[in-house]
Amino acid sequence: MSNASFEHPFRVALHDTDAAGVLFFAHLFRHAHDAYEAWMAQLGFPLHAMLRDGVLRLPLVHAEADYRRPLRHGAVVTVQLTPTAVGAGSFTVDYRFHTADGDLAATARTVHAAVDGSSRGGLPPALREALRAQLPA
């Protein structure tokens, strides 16, 4: 088991902001997904290859977020990604969005279900093992 969470930095771009000059609420999920995509590649399961090869899809079946403080244009943010549950056919990922000064600005959670072909399937054993190895001890 691993105690290290995956970290993915980004800077809030102008196109990320709303009329008030802060991160538009839905864009938080875009940045969470960018972190998720980079993490999956690091685990050896690049999403682009899985989609291209038609082997497995991992669509979201649940997403939630809590916003604690505004993220303004130009802010440097680090997304900490940690898997929190791995089942036979789905897994849960938690995200923590920290500002450069270490403050927690937001949290999010996504649940992904394994789909192979035209029906819901199970997680392939190699992916399930890779995900479980990332769970906090």
N, C-alpha and C. Protein backbone atom coordinates (compact mmCIF):
# COMPACT_ATOMS: atom_id res chain seq x y z
N MET A 1 0.84 -1.18 0.00
CA MET A 1 0.00 0.00 0.00
C MET A 1 0.88 1.24 0.00
N SER A 2 0.38 2.29 -0.60
CA SER A 2 1.14 3.53 -0.73
C SER A 2 0.52 4.61 0.14
N ASN A 3 1.36 5.43 0.74
CA ASN A 3 0.87 6.58 1.52
C ASN A 3 0.97 7.87 0.72
N ALA A 4 1.59 7.82 -0.42
CA ALA A 4 1.82 9.03 -1.21
C ALA A 4 0.64 9.28 -2.14
N SER A 5 0.15 10.51 -2.12
CA SER A 5 -0.89 10.87 -3.07
C SER A 5 -0.20 11.44 -4.31
N PHE A 6 -0.89 11.37 -5.42
CA PHE A 6 -0.40 11.91 -6.68
C PHE A 6 -0.67 13.41 -6.69
N GLU A 7 0.30 14.20 -7.14
CA GLU A 7 0.12 15.65 -7.20
C GLU A 7 0.22 16.14 -8.63
N HIS A 8 -0.69 17.06 -8.96
CA HIS A 8 -0.76 17.61 -10.32
C HIS A 8 -0.97 19.13 -10.21
N PRO A 9 0.03 19.93 -10.58
CA PRO A 9 -0.12 21.40 -10.47
C PRO A 9 -0.79 21.99 -11.71
N PHE A 10 -1.43 23.14 -11.50
CA PHE A 10 -1.95 23.94 -12.61
C PHE A 10 -2.05 25.39 -12.17
N ARG A 11 -2.19 26.26 -13.13
CA ARG A 11 -2.39 27.69 -12.87
C ARG A 11 -3.78 28.04 -13.39
N VAL A 12 -4.54 28.79 -12.60
CA VAL A 12 -5.87 29.20 -13.02
C VAL A 12 -5.73 30.18 -14.18
N ALA A 13 -6.21 29.77 -15.34
CA ALA A 13 -6.12 30.60 -16.54
C ALA A 13 -7.34 31.53 -16.63
N LEU A 14 -7.20 32.56 -17.42
CA LEU A 14 -8.30 33.51 -17.59
C LEU A 14 -9.56 32.80 -18.07
N HIS A 15 -9.41 31.85 -19.01
CA HIS A 15 -10.59 31.16 -19.52
C HIS A 15 -11.23 30.23 -18.48
N ASP A 16 -10.57 30.01 -17.34
CA ASP A 16 -11.14 29.22 -16.26
C ASP A 16 -12.10 30.03 -15.38
N THR A 17 -12.05 31.35 -15.49
CA THR A 17 -12.75 32.19 -14.53
C THR A 17 -14.13 32.62 -15.03
N ASP A 18 -14.95 33.02 -14.06
CA ASP A 18 -16.28 33.54 -14.38
C ASP A 18 -16.24 35.06 -14.33
N ALA A 19 -17.40 35.70 -14.39
CA ALA A 19 -17.47 37.16 -14.41
C ALA A 19 -16.94 37.79 -13.13
N ALA A 20 -16.91 37.03 -12.05
CA ALA A 20 -16.38 37.54 -10.78
C ALA A 20 -14.87 37.39 -10.69
N GLY A 21 -14.26 36.77 -11.71
CA GLY A 21 -12.80 36.62 -11.71
C GLY A 21 -12.28 35.44 -10.92
N VAL A 22 -13.17 34.50 -10.59
CA VAL A 22 -12.75 33.31 -9.85
C VAL A 22 -13.04 32.07 -10.69
N LEU A 23 -12.41 30.97 -10.32
CA LEU A 23 -12.59 29.71 -11.04
C LEU A 23 -14.07 29.38 -11.13
N PHE A 24 -14.57 29.22 -12.36
CA PHE A 24 -15.95 28.81 -12.58
C PHE A 24 -16.12 27.43 -11.97
N PHE A 25 -17.20 27.23 -11.22
CA PHE A 25 -17.35 26.03 -10.40
C PHE A 25 -17.16 24.73 -11.18
N ALA A 26 -17.67 24.64 -12.38
CA ALA A 26 -17.58 23.40 -13.16
C ALA A 26 -16.15 23.11 -13.63
N HIS A 27 -15.33 24.14 -13.73
CA HIS A 27 -13.95 23.94 -14.19
C HIS A 27 -13.11 23.21 -13.15
N LEU A 28 -13.56 23.18 -11.90
CA LEU A 28 -12.86 22.41 -10.89
C LEU A 28 -12.78 20.95 -11.34
N PHE A 29 -13.89 20.44 -11.92
CA PHE A 29 -13.90 19.05 -12.37
C PHE A 29 -12.99 18.84 -13.59
N ARG A 30 -12.83 19.84 -14.42
CA ARG A 30 -11.90 19.72 -15.54
C ARG A 30 -10.48 19.53 -15.02
N HIS A 31 -10.13 20.30 -14.01
CA HIS A 31 -8.78 20.17 -13.44
C HIS A 31 -8.63 18.85 -12.66
N ALA A 32 -9.69 18.41 -12.01
CA ALA A 32 -9.66 17.10 -11.35
C ALA A 32 -9.43 16.01 -12.40
N HIS A 33 -10.12 16.13 -13.53
CA HIS A 33 -9.98 15.12 -14.57
C HIS A 33 -8.60 15.16 -15.21
N ASP A 34 -8.02 16.35 -15.36
CA ASP A 34 -6.64 16.43 -15.88
C ASP A 34 -5.68 15.68 -14.95
N ALA A 35 -5.87 15.86 -13.63
CA ALA A 35 -5.03 15.16 -12.65
C ALA A 35 -5.27 13.66 -12.74
N TYR A 36 -6.52 13.26 -12.87
CA TYR A 36 -6.88 11.84 -13.00
C TYR A 36 -6.24 11.21 -14.24
N GLU A 37 -6.29 11.93 -15.36
CA GLU A 37 -5.71 11.41 -16.60
C GLU A 37 -4.19 11.24 -16.46
N ALA A 38 -3.51 12.20 -15.85
CA ALA A 38 -2.06 12.10 -15.64
C ALA A 38 -1.73 10.96 -14.69
N TRP A 39 -2.54 10.80 -13.65
CA TRP A 39 -2.33 9.73 -12.67
C TRP A 39 -2.50 8.35 -13.30
N MET A 40 -3.56 8.19 -14.09
CA MET A 40 -3.78 6.91 -14.74
C MET A 40 -2.62 6.55 -15.67
N ALA A 41 -2.09 7.56 -16.38
CA ALA A 41 -0.94 7.31 -17.25
C ALA A 41 0.26 6.87 -16.42
N GLN A 42 0.47 7.51 -15.28
CA GLN A 42 1.59 7.14 -14.41
C GLN A 42 1.42 5.71 -13.90
N LEU A 43 0.19 5.29 -13.67
CA LEU A 43 -0.06 3.91 -13.21
C LEU A 43 0.15 2.88 -14.32
N GLY A 44 0.28 3.36 -15.56
CA GLY A 44 0.46 2.46 -16.68
C GLY A 44 -0.83 2.14 -17.42
N PHE A 45 -1.87 2.96 -17.19
CA PHE A 45 -3.16 2.78 -17.85
C PHE A 45 -3.58 4.10 -18.50
N PRO A 46 -2.84 4.52 -19.54
CA PRO A 46 -3.18 5.79 -20.19
C PRO A 46 -4.58 5.73 -20.82
N LEU A 47 -5.39 6.71 -20.49
CA LEU A 47 -6.78 6.72 -20.96
C LEU A 47 -6.87 6.76 -22.47
N HIS A 48 -6.00 7.54 -23.11
CA HIS A 48 -6.08 7.63 -24.57
C HIS A 48 -5.88 6.26 -25.23
N ALA A 49 -5.01 5.45 -24.69
CA ALA A 49 -4.77 4.12 -25.26
C ALA A 49 -5.95 3.20 -24.97
N MET A 50 -6.52 3.28 -23.77
CA MET A 50 -7.67 2.44 -23.45
C MET A 50 -8.85 2.79 -24.35
N LEU A 51 -9.07 4.07 -24.60
CA LEU A 51 -10.16 4.49 -25.48
C LEU A 51 -9.89 4.09 -26.93
N ARG A 52 -8.67 4.33 -27.37
CA ARG A 52 -8.29 3.99 -28.75
C ARG A 52 -8.45 2.50 -29.01
N ASP A 53 -8.03 1.69 -28.07
CA ASP A 53 -8.06 0.25 -28.25
C ASP A 53 -9.44 -0.35 -27.95
N GLY A 54 -10.33 0.45 -27.37
CA GLY A 54 -11.68 -0.01 -27.08
C GLY A 54 -11.74 -1.12 -26.05
N VAL A 55 -10.71 -1.21 -25.22
CA VAL A 55 -10.64 -2.29 -24.24
C VAL A 55 -11.54 -2.01 -23.03
N LEU A 56 -11.50 -0.79 -22.52
CA LEU A 56 -12.20 -0.48 -21.28
C LEU A 56 -12.49 1.01 -21.25
N ARG A 57 -13.65 1.34 -20.74
CA ARG A 57 -13.99 2.74 -20.46
C ARG A 57 -14.28 2.84 -18.98
N LEU A 58 -13.99 4.00 -18.40
CA LEU A 58 -14.17 4.22 -16.97
C LEU A 58 -14.99 5.49 -16.73
N PRO A 59 -16.26 5.50 -17.16
CA PRO A 59 -17.05 6.72 -17.03
C PRO A 59 -17.35 7.07 -15.57
N LEU A 60 -17.58 8.35 -15.37
CA LEU A 60 -18.01 8.81 -14.05
C LEU A 60 -19.45 8.38 -13.82
N VAL A 61 -19.71 7.87 -12.62
CA VAL A 61 -21.07 7.57 -12.22
C VAL A 61 -21.51 8.43 -11.05
N HIS A 62 -20.55 9.17 -10.48
CA HIS A 62 -20.85 10.11 -9.39
C HIS A 62 -19.74 11.14 -9.33
N ALA A 63 -20.11 12.38 -9.06
CA ALA A 63 -19.13 13.45 -8.84
C ALA A 63 -19.71 14.43 -7.84
N GLU A 64 -18.85 14.93 -6.95
CA GLU A 64 -19.27 15.93 -5.98
C GLU A 64 -18.07 16.83 -5.66
N ALA A 65 -18.37 18.03 -5.19
CA ALA A 65 -17.29 18.96 -4.83
C ALA A 65 -17.76 19.89 -3.73
N ASP A 66 -16.80 20.34 -2.93
CA ASP A 66 -17.02 21.37 -1.92
C ASP A 66 -15.99 22.46 -2.16
N TYR A 67 -16.47 23.69 -2.12
CA TYR A 67 -15.62 24.85 -2.39
C TYR A 67 -15.41 25.60 -1.09
N ARG A 68 -14.14 25.81 -0.72
CA ARG A 68 -13.82 26.42 0.56
C ARG A 68 -13.34 27.86 0.44
N ARG A 69 -12.68 28.18 -0.66
CA ARG A 69 -12.22 29.55 -0.89
C ARG A 69 -12.05 29.77 -2.38
N PRO A 70 -12.18 31.00 -2.83
CA PRO A 70 -12.09 31.27 -4.27
C PRO A 70 -10.68 31.02 -4.81
N LEU A 71 -10.63 30.53 -6.03
CA LEU A 71 -9.37 30.39 -6.76
C LEU A 71 -9.41 31.43 -7.86
N ARG A 72 -8.51 32.40 -7.79
CA ARG A 72 -8.51 33.54 -8.71
C ARG A 72 -7.55 33.33 -9.89
N HIS A 73 -7.79 34.09 -10.93
CA HIS A 73 -6.94 34.06 -12.11
C HIS A 73 -5.47 34.20 -11.70
N GLY A 74 -4.63 33.32 -12.21
CA GLY A 74 -3.21 33.35 -11.93
C GLY A 74 -2.78 32.51 -10.74
N ALA A 75 -3.73 32.05 -9.94
CA ALA A 75 -3.38 31.26 -8.76
C ALA A 75 -2.72 29.95 -9.17
N VAL A 76 -1.68 29.59 -8.44
CA VAL A 76 -1.03 28.30 -8.65
C VAL A 76 -1.69 27.32 -7.67
N VAL A 77 -2.16 26.21 -8.22
CA VAL A 77 -2.92 25.24 -7.43
C VAL A 77 -2.30 23.86 -7.64
N THR A 78 -2.27 23.08 -6.58
CA THR A 78 -1.85 21.69 -6.69
C THR A 78 -3.03 20.80 -6.34
N VAL A 79 -3.32 19.87 -7.24
CA VAL A 79 -4.37 18.89 -7.00
C VAL A 79 -3.70 17.66 -6.41
N GLN A 80 -4.14 17.26 -5.22
CA GLN A 80 -3.69 16.00 -4.63
C GLN A 80 -4.77 14.97 -4.91
N LEU A 81 -4.41 13.88 -5.53
CA LEU A 81 -5.34 12.83 -5.91
C LEU A 81 -5.02 11.59 -5.11
N THR A 82 -6.05 11.01 -4.49
CA THR A 82 -5.88 9.80 -3.70
C THR A 82 -7.05 8.87 -3.95
N PRO A 83 -6.81 7.64 -4.38
CA PRO A 83 -7.93 6.69 -4.46
C PRO A 83 -8.35 6.32 -3.04
N THR A 84 -9.64 6.18 -2.82
CA THR A 84 -10.11 5.88 -1.47
C THR A 84 -10.88 4.57 -1.38
N ALA A 85 -11.33 4.04 -2.52
CA ALA A 85 -12.04 2.75 -2.51
C ALA A 85 -11.85 2.09 -3.87
N VAL A 86 -11.67 0.78 -3.85
CA VAL A 86 -11.55 0.01 -5.08
C VAL A 86 -12.42 -1.24 -4.91
N GLY A 87 -13.41 -1.37 -5.78
CA GLY A 87 -14.29 -2.53 -5.75
C GLY A 87 -14.07 -3.40 -6.97
N ALA A 88 -14.95 -4.36 -7.16
CA ALA A 88 -14.83 -5.27 -8.30
C ALA A 88 -15.06 -4.57 -9.62
N GLY A 89 -15.96 -3.55 -9.63
CA GLY A 89 -16.30 -2.90 -10.88
C GLY A 89 -16.22 -1.39 -10.86
N SER A 90 -15.74 -0.82 -9.77
CA SER A 90 -15.65 0.64 -9.70
C SER A 90 -14.58 1.05 -8.70
N PHE A 91 -14.22 2.35 -8.77
CA PHE A 91 -13.28 2.90 -7.80
C PHE A 91 -13.61 4.36 -7.54
N THR A 92 -13.19 4.83 -6.38
CA THR A 92 -13.45 6.20 -5.93
C THR A 92 -12.13 6.94 -5.78
N VAL A 93 -12.13 8.19 -6.25
CA VAL A 93 -10.93 9.03 -6.17
C VAL A 93 -11.30 10.33 -5.46
N ASP A 94 -10.49 10.71 -4.48
CA ASP A 94 -10.65 11.99 -3.79
C ASP A 94 -9.59 12.97 -4.28
N TYR A 95 -9.98 14.23 -4.37
CA TYR A 95 -9.11 15.30 -4.83
C TYR A 95 -9.11 16.41 -3.80
N ARG A 96 -7.93 16.96 -3.53
CA ARG A 96 -7.78 18.13 -2.65
C ARG A 96 -7.03 19.20 -3.44
N PHE A 97 -7.59 20.38 -3.51
CA PHE A 97 -7.03 21.49 -4.27
C PHE A 97 -6.39 22.47 -3.29
N HIS A 98 -5.06 22.56 -3.31
CA HIS A 98 -4.31 23.43 -2.40
C HIS A 98 -3.72 24.61 -3.16
N THR A 99 -3.80 25.79 -2.56
CA THR A 99 -3.16 26.97 -3.13
C THR A 99 -1.67 26.91 -2.83
N ALA A 100 -0.91 27.82 -3.44
CA ALA A 100 0.54 27.85 -3.26
C ALA A 100 0.92 28.06 -1.80
N ASP A 101 0.06 28.73 -1.02
CA ASP A 101 0.36 28.94 0.40
C ASP A 101 -0.10 27.78 1.27
N GLY A 102 -0.58 26.70 0.64
CA GLY A 102 -0.95 25.50 1.37
C GLY A 102 -2.39 25.43 1.84
N ASP A 103 -3.17 26.49 1.59
CA ASP A 103 -4.57 26.47 2.02
C ASP A 103 -5.38 25.51 1.16
N LEU A 104 -6.31 24.84 1.80
CA LEU A 104 -7.23 23.96 1.08
C LEU A 104 -8.34 24.81 0.49
N ALA A 105 -8.44 24.84 -0.84
CA ALA A 105 -9.44 25.68 -1.51
C ALA A 105 -10.68 24.89 -1.90
N ALA A 106 -10.53 23.60 -2.17
CA ALA A 106 -11.68 22.79 -2.59
C ALA A 106 -11.35 21.32 -2.45
N THR A 107 -12.40 20.52 -2.39
CA THR A 107 -12.26 19.07 -2.43
C THR A 107 -13.26 18.55 -3.46
N ALA A 108 -12.97 17.39 -3.99
CA ALA A 108 -13.89 16.75 -4.93
C ALA A 108 -13.75 15.25 -4.79
N ARG A 109 -14.76 14.55 -5.29
CA ARG A 109 -14.74 13.09 -5.30
C ARG A 109 -15.39 12.63 -6.59
N THR A 110 -14.78 11.62 -7.21
CA THR A 110 -15.39 11.01 -8.39
C THR A 110 -15.42 9.50 -8.20
N VAL A 111 -16.45 8.90 -8.76
CA VAL A 111 -16.56 7.45 -8.76
C VAL A 111 -16.62 7.01 -10.22
N HIS A 112 -15.76 6.07 -10.58
CA HIS A 112 -15.65 5.58 -11.95
C HIS A 112 -16.08 4.12 -11.98
N ALA A 113 -16.89 3.76 -12.97
CA ALA A 113 -17.31 2.37 -13.15
C ALA A 113 -16.69 1.81 -14.41
N ALA A 114 -16.31 0.56 -14.35
CA ALA A 114 -15.71 -0.10 -15.50
C ALA A 114 -16.79 -0.54 -16.47
N VAL A 115 -16.58 -0.20 -17.76
CA VAL A 115 -17.49 -0.60 -18.82
C VAL A 115 -16.65 -1.19 -19.93
N ASP A 116 -16.96 -2.43 -20.30
CA ASP A 116 -16.25 -3.04 -21.42
C ASP A 116 -17.28 -3.42 -22.48
N GLY A 117 -17.02 -3.03 -23.70
CA GLY A 117 -17.97 -3.28 -24.77
C GLY A 117 -19.24 -2.50 -24.56
N SER A 118 -20.37 -3.18 -24.52
CA SER A 118 -21.66 -2.49 -24.41
C SER A 118 -22.30 -2.64 -23.05
N SER A 119 -21.62 -3.26 -22.10
CA SER A 119 -22.24 -3.44 -20.79
C SER A 119 -21.24 -3.15 -19.67
N ARG A 120 -21.79 -3.00 -18.48
CA ARG A 120 -20.94 -2.78 -17.31
C ARG A 120 -20.15 -4.06 -17.05
N GLY A 121 -18.86 -3.90 -16.85
CA GLY A 121 -18.00 -5.04 -16.59
C GLY A 121 -17.27 -4.84 -15.28
N GLY A 122 -16.28 -5.64 -15.05
CA GLY A 122 -15.47 -5.49 -13.86
C GLY A 122 -14.16 -4.81 -14.20
N LEU A 123 -13.48 -4.37 -13.17
CA LEU A 123 -12.14 -3.82 -13.39
C LEU A 123 -11.20 -4.96 -13.75
N PRO A 124 -10.38 -4.78 -14.77
CA PRO A 124 -9.38 -5.81 -15.07
C PRO A 124 -8.48 -6.02 -13.86
N PRO A 125 -8.08 -7.26 -13.59
CA PRO A 125 -7.27 -7.53 -12.40
C PRO A 125 -6.02 -6.66 -12.28
N ALA A 126 -5.32 -6.42 -13.38
CA ALA A 126 -4.08 -5.60 -13.31
C ALA A 126 -4.39 -4.18 -12.88
N LEU A 127 -5.48 -3.61 -13.38
CA LEU A 127 -5.87 -2.25 -12.98
C LEU A 127 -6.33 -2.24 -11.53
N ARG A 128 -7.13 -3.22 -11.14
CA ARG A 128 -7.60 -3.28 -9.75
C ARG A 128 -6.42 -3.36 -8.79
N GLU A 129 -5.40 -4.18 -9.13
CA GLU A 129 -4.21 -4.30 -8.28
C GLU A 129 -3.44 -3.00 -8.23
N ALA A 130 -3.29 -2.32 -9.37
CA ALA A 130 -2.56 -1.04 -9.41
C ALA A 130 -3.29 0.01 -8.57
N LEU A 131 -4.60 0.04 -8.65
CA LEU A 131 -5.38 0.99 -7.86
C LEU A 131 -5.29 0.67 -6.37
N ARG A 132 -5.42 -0.58 -6.02
CA ARG A 132 -5.36 -0.97 -4.60
C ARG A 132 -3.99 -0.66 -3.99
N ALA A 133 -2.94 -0.76 -4.81
CA ALA A 133 -1.60 -0.44 -4.33
C ALA A 133 -1.45 1.04 -3.98
N GLN A 134 -2.36 1.89 -4.51
CA GLN A 134 -2.30 3.32 -4.26
C GLN A 134 -3.15 3.75 -3.07
N LEU A 135 -3.96 2.84 -2.53
CA LEU A 135 -4.82 3.20 -1.40
C LEU A 135 -3.97 3.58 -0.18
N PRO A 136 -4.42 4.58 0.56
CA PRO A 136 -3.68 4.94 1.78
C PRO A 136 -3.65 3.76 2.75
N ALA A 137 -2.57 3.62 3.47
CA ALA A 137 -2.43 2.52 4.43
C ALA A 137 -3.35 2.71 5.61
